[in-house]
C-alpha cells in the first residue's frame, strides 16, 4: 500500500521580512509520512540532529516559525519500520554538530529523505538562499559564524560565559 510523502514548509517570517524584497526567503522544512514529521536541526553534539514533531505544528519549532504550505512530492511503498530505519541511517550523516545554515540544513535533510522515499527532491526555491551562498561566497562571510553552525554558537556562548565569570570576579 502506497502512502504519501509530504513536504511541510515553514516560513521564518522575521528573516523573510528582509529577504523577500530580494525574491528569496528563508524556510524550514520537514517530511511528513505516516502522520509523523521528521526534520533536522543543529546542536553541538556528535549524534543525530533529526527530530520528530507533530505535522504542521510550530510549537516545538518556536515562535519565529509559521506554517506556510504542504506539498505532496510523491508516494512510497516503504513501511513505517522501513522509514524509521532510513531516518536512523540518515542520522549518521545529519548529526547535530554537522549542521550548517548554508551547506547542511533542514532543507538538505528533507531533500535527502524525500529522494530516498519517493525519488524526488524538494523544490529548489525552498533552499535558494543556501544555494546562492555557495555561488557567491561573500554572502556567507557577511553572516556571524554563530548563525551558521551550532558549534560556533556554543563556542561563542562559552566564551561569553567565561567573560561573564571574569566580570563577576572583578566586581567582588
N, C-alpha and C. Protein backbone atom coordinates (compact mmCIF):
# COMPACT_ATOMS: atom_id res chain seq x y z
N UNK A 1 0.84 -1.19 0.00
CA UNK A 1 0.00 0.00 0.00
C UNK A 1 0.89 1.25 0.00
N UNK A 2 0.69 2.12 -0.95
CA UNK A 2 1.47 3.35 -1.04
C UNK A 2 0.92 4.42 -0.11
N UNK A 3 1.83 5.20 0.47
CA UNK A 3 1.45 6.31 1.33
C UNK A 3 2.11 7.58 0.81
N UNK A 4 1.48 8.75 1.03
CA UNK A 4 2.05 9.99 0.52
C UNK A 4 3.28 10.44 1.29
N UNK A 5 4.21 11.05 0.56
CA UNK A 5 5.39 11.70 1.13
C UNK A 5 5.12 13.19 0.99
N UNK A 6 4.98 13.86 2.13
CA UNK A 6 4.55 15.26 2.15
C UNK A 6 5.67 16.14 2.69
N UNK A 7 5.96 17.20 1.98
CA UNK A 7 6.92 18.19 2.45
C UNK A 7 6.16 19.32 3.11
N UNK A 8 6.44 19.57 4.38
CA UNK A 8 5.85 20.71 5.09
C UNK A 8 6.87 21.83 5.15
N UNK A 9 6.43 23.01 4.77
CA UNK A 9 7.32 24.17 4.67
C UNK A 9 6.86 25.23 5.67
N UNK A 10 7.84 25.79 6.35
CA UNK A 10 7.58 26.80 7.36
C UNK A 10 8.31 28.08 6.99
N UNK A 11 7.64 29.17 7.17
CA UNK A 11 8.19 30.49 6.90
C UNK A 11 8.89 30.98 8.16
N UNK A 12 10.14 31.38 8.01
CA UNK A 12 10.86 32.01 9.13
C UNK A 12 10.64 33.51 8.96
N UNK A 13 9.45 33.96 9.35
CA UNK A 13 8.97 35.27 8.94
C UNK A 13 9.79 36.45 9.41
N UNK A 14 10.49 36.36 10.51
CA UNK A 14 11.25 37.53 10.95
C UNK A 14 12.42 37.81 10.01
N UNK A 15 12.97 36.77 9.40
CA UNK A 15 14.04 36.96 8.43
C UNK A 15 13.45 37.35 7.08
N UNK A 16 12.36 36.70 6.71
CA UNK A 16 11.79 36.91 5.39
C UNK A 16 11.24 38.31 5.17
N UNK A 17 10.98 39.04 6.22
CA UNK A 17 10.54 40.42 6.01
C UNK A 17 11.66 41.25 5.39
N UNK A 18 12.90 40.79 5.53
CA UNK A 18 14.04 41.48 4.92
C UNK A 18 14.44 40.86 3.59
N UNK A 19 14.34 39.54 3.48
CA UNK A 19 14.83 38.86 2.28
C UNK A 19 13.81 38.80 1.15
N UNK A 20 12.53 38.92 1.47
CA UNK A 20 11.51 38.79 0.43
C UNK A 20 11.62 39.86 -0.65
N UNK A 21 12.14 41.04 -0.29
CA UNK A 21 12.31 42.09 -1.30
C UNK A 21 13.37 41.70 -2.34
N UNK A 22 14.23 40.74 -1.99
CA UNK A 22 15.25 40.24 -2.91
C UNK A 22 14.75 39.04 -3.72
N UNK A 23 13.52 38.64 -3.46
CA UNK A 23 12.95 37.50 -4.17
C UNK A 23 13.39 36.16 -3.61
N UNK A 24 13.90 36.16 -2.40
CA UNK A 24 14.32 34.92 -1.75
C UNK A 24 13.71 34.86 -0.36
N UNK A 25 13.67 33.68 0.18
CA UNK A 25 13.14 33.52 1.53
C UNK A 25 13.97 32.51 2.29
N UNK A 26 13.75 32.48 3.59
CA UNK A 26 14.42 31.52 4.45
C UNK A 26 13.32 30.61 5.00
N UNK A 27 13.44 29.33 4.68
CA UNK A 27 12.39 28.38 5.03
C UNK A 27 12.95 27.18 5.79
N UNK A 28 12.14 26.68 6.68
CA UNK A 28 12.41 25.40 7.35
C UNK A 28 11.49 24.38 6.69
N UNK A 29 11.96 23.14 6.60
CA UNK A 29 11.09 22.11 6.05
C UNK A 29 11.24 20.82 6.85
N UNK A 30 10.21 20.01 6.76
CA UNK A 30 10.19 18.69 7.36
C UNK A 30 9.41 17.76 6.46
N UNK A 31 9.62 16.47 6.62
CA UNK A 31 8.97 15.46 5.78
C UNK A 31 7.94 14.72 6.61
N UNK A 32 6.72 14.74 6.13
CA UNK A 32 5.62 14.07 6.81
C UNK A 32 5.31 12.75 6.12
N UNK A 33 5.27 11.70 6.93
CA UNK A 33 4.90 10.38 6.44
C UNK A 33 4.34 9.60 7.63
N UNK A 34 3.28 8.85 7.41
CA UNK A 34 2.62 8.09 8.48
C UNK A 34 2.22 9.00 9.64
N UNK A 35 1.77 10.20 9.33
CA UNK A 35 1.31 11.18 10.33
C UNK A 35 2.41 11.55 11.33
N UNK A 36 3.66 11.49 10.89
CA UNK A 36 4.82 11.91 11.69
C UNK A 36 5.64 12.84 10.81
N UNK A 37 6.24 13.83 11.40
CA UNK A 37 7.08 14.75 10.63
C UNK A 37 8.51 14.69 11.15
N UNK A 38 9.43 14.46 10.22
CA UNK A 38 10.85 14.39 10.53
C UNK A 38 11.55 15.63 9.98
N UNK A 39 12.41 16.21 10.80
CA UNK A 39 13.15 17.41 10.38
C UNK A 39 14.56 17.32 10.98
N UNK A 40 15.37 18.29 10.64
CA UNK A 40 16.77 18.29 11.06
C UNK A 40 17.13 19.67 11.60
N UNK A 41 17.86 19.65 12.69
CA UNK A 41 18.35 20.89 13.28
C UNK A 41 19.69 20.65 13.94
N UNK A 42 20.37 21.72 14.23
CA UNK A 42 21.71 21.61 14.76
C UNK A 42 21.79 21.67 16.26
N UNK A 43 22.82 21.04 16.77
CA UNK A 43 23.24 21.15 18.15
C UNK A 43 24.73 20.86 18.17
N UNK A 44 25.37 21.00 19.28
CA UNK A 44 26.83 20.90 19.33
C UNK A 44 27.36 19.49 19.55
N UNK A 45 26.50 18.49 19.53
CA UNK A 45 26.91 17.14 19.89
C UNK A 45 27.01 16.22 18.66
N UNK A 46 27.86 15.19 18.73
CA UNK A 46 28.10 14.32 17.57
C UNK A 46 27.10 13.17 17.42
N UNK A 47 25.82 13.45 17.63
CA UNK A 47 24.80 12.44 17.36
C UNK A 47 23.71 13.08 16.52
N UNK A 48 22.76 12.30 16.10
CA UNK A 48 21.74 12.73 15.14
C UNK A 48 21.09 14.06 15.53
N UNK A 49 20.88 14.88 14.52
CA UNK A 49 20.15 16.13 14.70
C UNK A 49 18.72 16.03 14.17
N UNK A 50 18.33 14.82 13.77
CA UNK A 50 16.98 14.61 13.25
C UNK A 50 16.02 14.51 14.43
N UNK A 51 14.90 15.20 14.29
CA UNK A 51 13.90 15.17 15.35
C UNK A 51 12.52 14.99 14.74
N UNK A 52 11.56 14.69 15.58
CA UNK A 52 10.20 14.45 15.14
C UNK A 52 9.26 15.42 15.84
N UNK A 53 8.33 15.96 15.05
CA UNK A 53 7.28 16.83 15.60
C UNK A 53 5.94 16.38 15.05
N UNK A 54 4.87 16.91 15.63
CA UNK A 54 3.55 16.69 15.06
C UNK A 54 3.47 17.47 13.75
N UNK A 55 2.95 16.87 12.70
CA UNK A 55 2.91 17.55 11.40
C UNK A 55 2.26 18.92 11.47
N UNK A 56 2.94 19.88 10.87
CA UNK A 56 2.49 21.28 10.71
C UNK A 56 2.31 22.02 12.03
N UNK A 57 2.86 21.49 13.10
CA UNK A 57 2.75 22.13 14.42
C UNK A 57 4.04 22.90 14.71
N UNK A 58 3.93 24.19 14.86
CA UNK A 58 5.13 25.02 15.08
C UNK A 58 5.51 25.15 16.55
N UNK A 59 4.75 24.54 17.43
CA UNK A 59 5.01 24.67 18.87
C UNK A 59 6.46 24.34 19.21
N UNK A 60 6.94 23.20 18.71
CA UNK A 60 8.31 22.78 19.03
C UNK A 60 9.36 23.54 18.25
N UNK A 61 8.97 24.20 17.17
CA UNK A 61 9.93 24.94 16.35
C UNK A 61 10.23 26.32 16.92
N UNK A 62 9.25 26.93 17.55
CA UNK A 62 9.45 28.25 18.14
C UNK A 62 8.57 29.30 17.50
N UNK A 63 8.53 30.44 18.15
CA UNK A 63 7.60 31.49 17.74
C UNK A 63 7.99 32.20 16.45
N UNK A 64 9.22 32.02 15.99
CA UNK A 64 9.62 32.69 14.74
C UNK A 64 9.24 31.89 13.51
N UNK A 65 8.63 30.72 13.69
CA UNK A 65 8.22 29.88 12.56
C UNK A 65 6.72 29.94 12.37
N UNK A 66 6.31 29.96 11.12
CA UNK A 66 4.89 29.96 10.78
C UNK A 66 4.69 28.95 9.65
N UNK A 67 3.71 28.06 9.81
CA UNK A 67 3.44 27.08 8.75
C UNK A 67 3.07 27.81 7.48
N UNK A 68 3.68 27.42 6.37
CA UNK A 68 3.43 28.07 5.08
C UNK A 68 2.58 27.19 4.16
N UNK A 69 3.05 25.96 3.87
CA UNK A 69 2.30 25.10 2.98
C UNK A 69 2.83 23.67 3.02
N UNK A 70 2.03 22.76 2.47
CA UNK A 70 2.41 21.37 2.29
C UNK A 70 2.42 21.05 0.81
N UNK A 71 3.37 20.21 0.40
CA UNK A 71 3.44 19.76 -0.98
C UNK A 71 3.58 18.23 -0.97
N UNK A 72 2.67 17.56 -1.63
CA UNK A 72 2.79 16.11 -1.78
C UNK A 72 3.81 15.87 -2.89
N UNK A 73 4.96 15.29 -2.53
CA UNK A 73 6.03 15.08 -3.50
C UNK A 73 5.90 13.75 -4.23
N UNK A 74 5.18 12.82 -3.66
CA UNK A 74 5.02 11.52 -4.30
C UNK A 74 4.47 10.51 -3.32
N UNK A 75 4.57 9.27 -3.73
CA UNK A 75 4.09 8.16 -2.91
C UNK A 75 5.25 7.21 -2.67
N UNK A 76 5.15 6.43 -1.58
CA UNK A 76 6.18 5.45 -1.27
C UNK A 76 5.54 4.15 -0.81
N UNK A 77 6.25 3.06 -1.06
CA UNK A 77 5.81 1.75 -0.59
C UNK A 77 6.57 1.32 0.65
N UNK A 78 7.47 2.17 1.16
CA UNK A 78 8.19 1.84 2.38
C UNK A 78 7.21 1.73 3.54
N UNK A 79 7.48 0.82 4.46
CA UNK A 79 6.66 0.67 5.66
C UNK A 79 7.13 1.67 6.72
N UNK A 80 6.37 1.77 7.78
CA UNK A 80 6.74 2.65 8.88
C UNK A 80 8.08 2.21 9.49
N UNK A 81 8.29 0.91 9.63
CA UNK A 81 9.56 0.40 10.14
C UNK A 81 10.71 0.73 9.20
N UNK A 82 10.46 0.62 7.89
CA UNK A 82 11.48 0.99 6.90
C UNK A 82 11.87 2.46 7.06
N UNK A 83 10.86 3.31 7.22
CA UNK A 83 11.11 4.75 7.35
C UNK A 83 11.94 5.03 8.61
N UNK A 84 11.63 4.37 9.69
CA UNK A 84 12.40 4.56 10.92
C UNK A 84 13.86 4.15 10.72
N UNK A 85 14.09 3.05 10.01
CA UNK A 85 15.47 2.62 9.73
C UNK A 85 16.18 3.62 8.83
N UNK A 86 15.48 4.13 7.83
CA UNK A 86 16.07 5.13 6.92
C UNK A 86 16.44 6.39 7.69
N UNK A 87 15.54 6.86 8.54
CA UNK A 87 15.80 8.06 9.34
C UNK A 87 16.98 7.83 10.28
N UNK A 88 17.04 6.66 10.90
CA UNK A 88 18.18 6.34 11.77
C UNK A 88 19.48 6.36 10.98
N UNK A 89 19.46 5.79 9.78
CA UNK A 89 20.66 5.77 8.95
C UNK A 89 21.06 7.19 8.54
N UNK A 90 20.10 8.00 8.15
CA UNK A 90 20.40 9.40 7.79
C UNK A 90 20.95 10.18 8.98
N UNK A 91 20.56 9.78 10.19
CA UNK A 91 21.05 10.45 11.39
C UNK A 91 22.55 10.36 11.54
N UNK A 92 23.17 9.37 10.93
CA UNK A 92 24.63 9.26 10.98
C UNK A 92 25.29 10.35 10.13
N UNK A 93 24.62 10.75 9.07
CA UNK A 93 25.13 11.82 8.21
C UNK A 93 24.69 13.19 8.72
N UNK A 94 23.46 13.27 9.16
CA UNK A 94 22.90 14.54 9.62
C UNK A 94 22.98 14.62 11.15
N UNK A 95 24.23 14.67 11.62
CA UNK A 95 24.47 14.83 13.05
C UNK A 95 24.23 16.30 13.43
N UNK A 96 23.90 16.53 14.67
CA UNK A 96 23.65 17.89 15.11
C UNK A 96 24.84 18.80 14.93
N UNK A 97 26.03 18.30 15.22
CA UNK A 97 27.24 19.12 15.10
C UNK A 97 27.65 19.35 13.65
N UNK A 98 27.04 18.63 12.70
CA UNK A 98 27.36 18.81 11.28
C UNK A 98 26.47 19.87 10.63
N UNK A 99 25.47 20.35 11.37
CA UNK A 99 24.55 21.34 10.81
C UNK A 99 25.31 22.60 10.37
N UNK A 100 24.95 23.10 9.21
CA UNK A 100 25.49 24.36 8.71
C UNK A 100 24.36 25.05 7.96
N UNK A 101 24.09 26.27 8.29
CA UNK A 101 22.96 27.00 7.72
C UNK A 101 22.95 26.99 6.20
N UNK A 102 24.12 27.02 5.58
CA UNK A 102 24.19 27.09 4.12
C UNK A 102 24.48 25.74 3.45
N UNK A 103 25.22 24.84 4.11
CA UNK A 103 25.69 23.63 3.45
C UNK A 103 25.00 22.34 3.89
N UNK A 104 24.43 22.30 5.07
CA UNK A 104 23.77 21.09 5.57
C UNK A 104 22.69 21.51 6.55
N UNK A 105 21.55 21.90 6.01
CA UNK A 105 20.46 22.40 6.85
C UNK A 105 19.23 21.49 6.75
N UNK A 106 18.14 21.93 7.34
CA UNK A 106 16.92 21.14 7.35
C UNK A 106 16.42 20.81 5.95
N UNK A 107 16.62 21.72 5.01
CA UNK A 107 16.15 21.50 3.64
C UNK A 107 17.01 20.47 2.92
N UNK A 108 18.31 20.44 3.21
CA UNK A 108 19.16 19.40 2.65
C UNK A 108 18.70 18.03 3.17
N UNK A 109 18.38 17.97 4.46
CA UNK A 109 17.87 16.72 5.02
C UNK A 109 16.56 16.31 4.36
N UNK A 110 15.62 17.25 4.26
CA UNK A 110 14.32 16.93 3.65
C UNK A 110 14.50 16.41 2.24
N UNK A 111 15.39 17.02 1.49
CA UNK A 111 15.64 16.59 0.11
C UNK A 111 16.25 15.19 0.07
N UNK A 112 17.16 14.89 0.99
CA UNK A 112 17.76 13.55 1.05
C UNK A 112 16.70 12.51 1.38
N UNK A 113 15.84 12.81 2.36
CA UNK A 113 14.82 11.84 2.77
C UNK A 113 13.78 11.63 1.68
N UNK A 114 13.30 12.71 1.07
CA UNK A 114 12.30 12.54 0.00
C UNK A 114 12.90 11.85 -1.22
N UNK A 115 14.19 12.08 -1.46
CA UNK A 115 14.85 11.40 -2.57
C UNK A 115 14.84 9.89 -2.37
N UNK A 116 15.05 9.44 -1.14
CA UNK A 116 15.02 8.01 -0.84
C UNK A 116 13.59 7.48 -0.88
N UNK A 117 12.67 8.22 -0.26
CA UNK A 117 11.31 7.70 -0.10
C UNK A 117 10.51 7.67 -1.41
N UNK A 118 10.66 8.70 -2.23
CA UNK A 118 9.81 8.75 -3.43
C UNK A 118 10.58 9.17 -4.69
N UNK A 119 11.89 9.33 -4.58
CA UNK A 119 12.69 9.64 -5.76
C UNK A 119 12.61 11.08 -6.22
N UNK A 120 12.11 11.97 -5.37
CA UNK A 120 12.00 13.39 -5.75
C UNK A 120 12.68 14.27 -4.71
N UNK A 121 13.36 15.29 -5.20
CA UNK A 121 13.99 16.29 -4.34
C UNK A 121 12.95 17.37 -4.01
N UNK A 122 13.25 18.18 -3.01
CA UNK A 122 12.34 19.28 -2.68
C UNK A 122 12.47 20.37 -3.75
N UNK A 123 11.46 21.21 -3.93
CA UNK A 123 11.56 22.30 -4.90
C UNK A 123 12.74 23.23 -4.57
N UNK A 124 13.44 23.69 -5.61
CA UNK A 124 14.66 24.48 -5.40
C UNK A 124 14.42 25.80 -4.69
N UNK A 125 13.25 26.41 -4.83
CA UNK A 125 13.02 27.72 -4.22
C UNK A 125 13.10 27.66 -2.70
N UNK A 126 12.90 26.49 -2.12
CA UNK A 126 12.88 26.37 -0.67
C UNK A 126 14.27 26.59 -0.07
N UNK A 127 15.30 26.17 -0.77
CA UNK A 127 16.67 26.30 -0.25
C UNK A 127 17.51 27.24 -1.12
N UNK A 128 16.85 28.15 -1.82
CA UNK A 128 17.53 29.04 -2.78
C UNK A 128 18.62 29.89 -2.13
N UNK A 129 18.35 30.43 -0.95
CA UNK A 129 19.34 31.30 -0.30
C UNK A 129 20.62 30.52 0.01
N UNK A 130 20.48 29.30 0.51
CA UNK A 130 21.67 28.48 0.78
C UNK A 130 22.40 28.16 -0.52
N UNK A 131 21.66 27.86 -1.57
CA UNK A 131 22.28 27.57 -2.86
C UNK A 131 23.02 28.79 -3.40
N UNK A 132 22.42 29.94 -3.26
CA UNK A 132 23.07 31.17 -3.73
C UNK A 132 24.36 31.44 -2.98
N UNK A 133 24.39 31.12 -1.70
CA UNK A 133 25.58 31.42 -0.91
C UNK A 133 26.78 30.58 -1.36
N UNK A 134 26.52 29.40 -1.92
CA UNK A 134 27.64 28.59 -2.41
C UNK A 134 28.19 29.17 -3.71
N UNK A 135 27.36 29.91 -4.44
CA UNK A 135 27.80 30.55 -5.69
C UNK A 135 28.43 31.91 -5.44
N UNK A 136 28.02 32.55 -4.36
CA UNK A 136 28.51 33.89 -4.02
C UNK A 136 29.09 33.82 -2.61
N UNK A 137 30.34 33.39 -2.48
CA UNK A 137 30.93 33.11 -1.16
C UNK A 137 30.90 34.28 -0.17
N UNK A 138 30.96 35.52 -0.66
CA UNK A 138 30.99 36.63 0.29
C UNK A 138 29.70 36.72 1.10
N UNK A 139 28.59 36.19 0.59
CA UNK A 139 27.35 36.21 1.36
C UNK A 139 27.52 35.51 2.70
N UNK A 140 28.17 34.36 2.65
CA UNK A 140 28.38 33.59 3.87
C UNK A 140 29.31 34.31 4.83
N UNK A 141 30.30 35.00 4.29
CA UNK A 141 31.25 35.71 5.15
C UNK A 141 30.61 36.93 5.81
N UNK A 142 29.48 37.38 5.29
CA UNK A 142 28.78 38.53 5.87
C UNK A 142 28.01 38.16 7.13
N UNK A 143 27.76 36.88 7.31
CA UNK A 143 26.96 36.44 8.45
C UNK A 143 27.87 36.06 9.63
N UNK A 144 27.43 36.34 10.84
CA UNK A 144 28.20 35.89 12.01
C UNK A 144 28.30 34.37 12.00
N UNK A 145 29.44 33.82 12.35
CA UNK A 145 29.64 32.37 12.38
C UNK A 145 28.63 31.69 13.31
N UNK A 146 28.19 32.39 14.35
CA UNK A 146 27.23 31.81 15.29
C UNK A 146 25.90 31.51 14.62
N UNK A 147 25.59 32.18 13.50
CA UNK A 147 24.36 31.92 12.77
C UNK A 147 24.51 30.69 11.89
N UNK A 148 25.73 30.34 11.54
CA UNK A 148 25.96 29.28 10.56
C UNK A 148 26.02 27.89 11.16
N UNK A 149 26.63 27.75 12.33
CA UNK A 149 26.77 26.42 12.93
C UNK A 149 26.48 26.46 14.43
N UNK A 150 25.90 25.39 14.96
CA UNK A 150 25.65 25.34 16.41
C UNK A 150 26.95 25.24 17.22
N UNK A 151 27.98 24.66 16.63
CA UNK A 151 29.26 24.56 17.33
C UNK A 151 29.84 25.95 17.54
N UNK A 152 29.80 26.80 16.51
CA UNK A 152 30.28 28.18 16.65
C UNK A 152 29.46 28.93 17.68
N UNK A 153 28.15 28.71 17.68
CA UNK A 153 27.29 29.37 18.66
C UNK A 153 27.64 28.92 20.07
N UNK A 154 27.81 27.61 20.26
CA UNK A 154 28.16 27.10 21.59
C UNK A 154 29.51 27.65 22.05
N UNK A 155 30.48 27.70 21.13
CA UNK A 155 31.79 28.26 21.47
C UNK A 155 31.67 29.73 21.85
N UNK A 156 30.86 30.46 21.10
CA UNK A 156 30.66 31.88 21.40
C UNK A 156 30.00 32.05 22.76
N UNK A 157 28.98 31.24 23.03
CA UNK A 157 28.30 31.33 24.32
C UNK A 157 29.24 30.93 25.44
N UNK A 158 30.09 29.92 25.19
CA UNK A 158 31.09 29.52 26.18
C UNK A 158 32.06 30.65 26.45
N UNK A 159 32.51 31.34 25.39
CA UNK A 159 33.39 32.49 25.56
C UNK A 159 32.68 33.59 26.34
N UNK A 160 31.39 33.79 26.05
CA UNK A 160 30.61 34.81 26.74
C UNK A 160 30.48 34.46 28.22
N UNK A 161 30.25 33.16 28.52
CA UNK A 161 30.15 32.74 29.92
C UNK A 161 31.46 32.99 30.65
N UNK A 162 32.58 32.68 29.99
CA UNK A 162 33.88 32.93 30.61
C UNK A 162 34.09 34.42 30.85
N UNK A 163 33.66 35.24 29.88
CA UNK A 163 33.77 36.68 30.02
C UNK A 163 32.92 37.16 31.20
N UNK A 164 31.69 36.62 31.30
CA UNK A 164 30.82 36.98 32.40
C UNK A 164 31.43 36.61 33.75
N UNK A 165 32.06 35.41 33.81
CA UNK A 165 32.69 34.97 35.06
C UNK A 165 33.85 35.91 35.43
N UNK A 166 34.63 36.32 34.44
CA UNK A 166 35.73 37.26 34.70
C UNK A 166 35.17 38.57 35.23
N UNK A 167 34.09 39.03 34.60
CA UNK A 167 33.45 40.28 35.06
C UNK A 167 32.91 40.15 36.46
N UNK A 168 32.34 38.97 36.80
CA UNK A 168 31.83 38.76 38.16
C UNK A 168 32.95 38.79 39.17
N UNK A 169 34.11 38.23 38.83
CA UNK A 169 35.24 38.22 39.75
C UNK A 169 35.78 39.64 39.97
N UNK A 170 35.73 40.45 38.95
CA UNK A 170 36.25 41.83 39.08
C UNK A 170 35.36 42.67 39.98
N UNK A 171 34.06 42.35 39.97
CA UNK A 171 33.12 43.15 40.77
C UNK A 171 33.19 42.81 42.24
N UNK A 172 33.72 41.64 42.60
CA UNK A 172 33.73 41.23 44.02
C UNK A 172 34.95 41.73 44.73
